[in-house]
Amino acid sequence: MPKLKGTKAELSKEVRRILNKHRIDLTMLDYSYGGSSVRLSGGLWKNDGTEFSVEALTYLINDLYPFGTLYTDLINWDLNGGTIRIIHSHNDNDGEN
């Protein structure tokens, strides 16, 4: 993994740029960059409220790879251990009262 150059603030801003590039709703997601890792927690949805596909998340993970290890604590996706698995969908409660 290549060593990125820049201050922590500059690299954190670059992580945010990547999240925006992938149209992630940052009102639902908390993120941080610290030295050699990126942490994502909360909900991972697109700006328009729709779900991501596994393919789209693969591209996101690839874009974040140069920043180091990705740690996640997400309510709707499991991205740990090299797998991408949906945990909860917006549509899970459709039709229920």
Protein backbone atom coordinates (compact mmCIF):
# COMPACT_ATOMS: atom_id res chain seq x y z
CA MET A 1 0.00 0.00 0.00
CA PRO A 2 1.54 3.36 -1.01
CA LYS A 3 2.23 5.87 1.72
CA LEU A 4 0.09 8.97 1.16
CA LYS A 5 1.63 12.36 1.75
CA GLY A 6 -0.07 15.28 3.39
CA THR A 7 -1.27 16.45 6.74
CA LYS A 8 -4.00 14.59 8.62
CA ALA A 9 -6.40 17.43 7.76
CA GLU A 10 -5.51 17.26 4.05
CA LEU A 11 -5.93 13.49 3.93
CA SER A 12 -9.20 13.65 5.87
CA LYS A 13 -10.44 16.17 3.31
CA GLU A 14 -9.42 13.76 0.54
CA VAL A 15 -11.40 10.95 2.22
CA ARG A 16 -14.43 13.27 2.30
CA ARG A 17 -13.92 14.05 -1.39
CA ILE A 18 -14.00 10.31 -2.16
CA LEU A 19 -17.17 9.85 -0.10
CA ASN A 20 -18.79 12.74 -1.99
CA LYS A 21 -17.61 11.29 -5.33
CA HIS A 22 -19.54 8.12 -4.47
CA ARG A 23 -22.62 10.24 -3.57
CA ILE A 24 -22.70 9.08 0.06
CA ASP A 25 -25.20 10.74 2.39
CA LEU A 26 -22.85 12.28 4.94
CA THR A 27 -25.77 13.20 7.22
CA MET A 28 -26.12 9.46 7.95
CA LEU A 29 -22.43 8.51 8.02
CA ASP A 30 -19.63 9.48 10.39
CA TYR A 31 -16.11 9.09 9.08
CA SER A 32 -12.62 9.73 10.35
CA TYR A 33 -9.10 9.36 9.05
CA GLY A 34 -6.27 8.67 11.45
CA GLY A 35 -2.77 7.98 10.21
CA SER A 36 -3.23 4.61 8.57
CA SER A 37 -6.93 3.89 8.79
CA VAL A 38 -10.36 5.12 7.77
CA ARG A 39 -13.32 4.55 10.09
CA LEU A 40 -16.93 4.61 8.89
CA SER A 41 -19.91 4.36 11.23
CA GLY A 42 -23.63 4.95 10.97
CA GLY A 43 -25.64 4.32 7.83
CA LEU A 44 -24.22 4.00 4.34
CA TRP A 45 -26.76 5.26 1.80
CA LYS A 46 -26.61 7.37 -1.34
CA ASN A 47 -27.53 11.07 -1.21
CA ASP A 48 -30.93 10.26 -2.71
CA GLY A 49 -31.65 7.69 0.03
CA THR A 50 -31.24 4.64 -2.18
CA GLU A 51 -29.15 1.57 -1.42
CA PHE A 52 -25.70 0.88 -2.79
CA SER A 53 -24.96 -2.17 -4.89
CA VAL A 54 -22.16 -4.52 -3.91
CA GLU A 55 -20.32 -3.42 -7.06
CA ALA A 56 -20.54 0.27 -6.09
CA LEU A 57 -19.24 -0.50 -2.60
CA THR A 58 -16.35 -2.44 -4.12
CA TYR A 59 -15.36 0.71 -6.02
CA LEU A 60 -15.65 2.78 -2.82
CA ILE A 61 -13.45 0.35 -0.88
CA ASN A 62 -10.89 0.38 -3.71
CA ASP A 63 -10.79 4.19 -3.63
CA LEU A 64 -10.26 4.18 0.15
CA TYR A 65 -7.59 1.45 0.05
CA PRO A 66 -4.59 3.82 -0.25
CA PHE A 67 -5.57 5.45 3.06
CA GLY A 68 -4.96 2.25 5.01
CA THR A 69 -7.15 -0.20 6.87
CA LEU A 70 -10.89 0.32 6.63
CA TYR A 71 -12.80 -0.13 9.89
CA THR A 72 -16.59 -0.05 9.77
CA ASP A 73 -19.46 -0.08 12.24
CA LEU A 74 -22.41 0.34 9.90
CA ILE A 75 -26.08 -0.32 10.57
CA ASN A 76 -26.84 -1.50 7.04
CA TRP A 77 -23.66 -3.04 5.60
CA ASP A 78 -20.92 -5.37 6.82
CA LEU A 79 -17.69 -4.45 5.04
CA ASN A 80 -15.33 -6.24 7.43
CA GLY A 81 -13.13 -9.23 6.73
CA GLY A 82 -13.03 -8.79 2.97
CA THR A 83 -16.76 -9.35 2.54
CA ILE A 84 -19.58 -7.03 1.52
CA ARG A 85 -22.90 -8.08 3.02
CA ILE A 86 -26.12 -6.14 3.52
CA ILE A 87 -27.38 -6.17 7.11
CA HIS A 88 -30.45 -3.94 6.85
CA SER A 89 -32.26 -2.41 3.90
CA HIS A 90 -34.56 0.61 3.83
CA ASN A 91 -37.12 -1.79 2.34
CA ASP A 92 -37.04 -4.33 5.21
CA ASN A 93 -40.13 -2.78 6.85
CA ASP A 94 -42.18 -2.13 3.70
CA GLY A 95 -45.75 -3.35 4.04
CA GLU A 96 -45.64 -3.64 7.81
CA ASN A 97 -47.82 -1.55 10.12
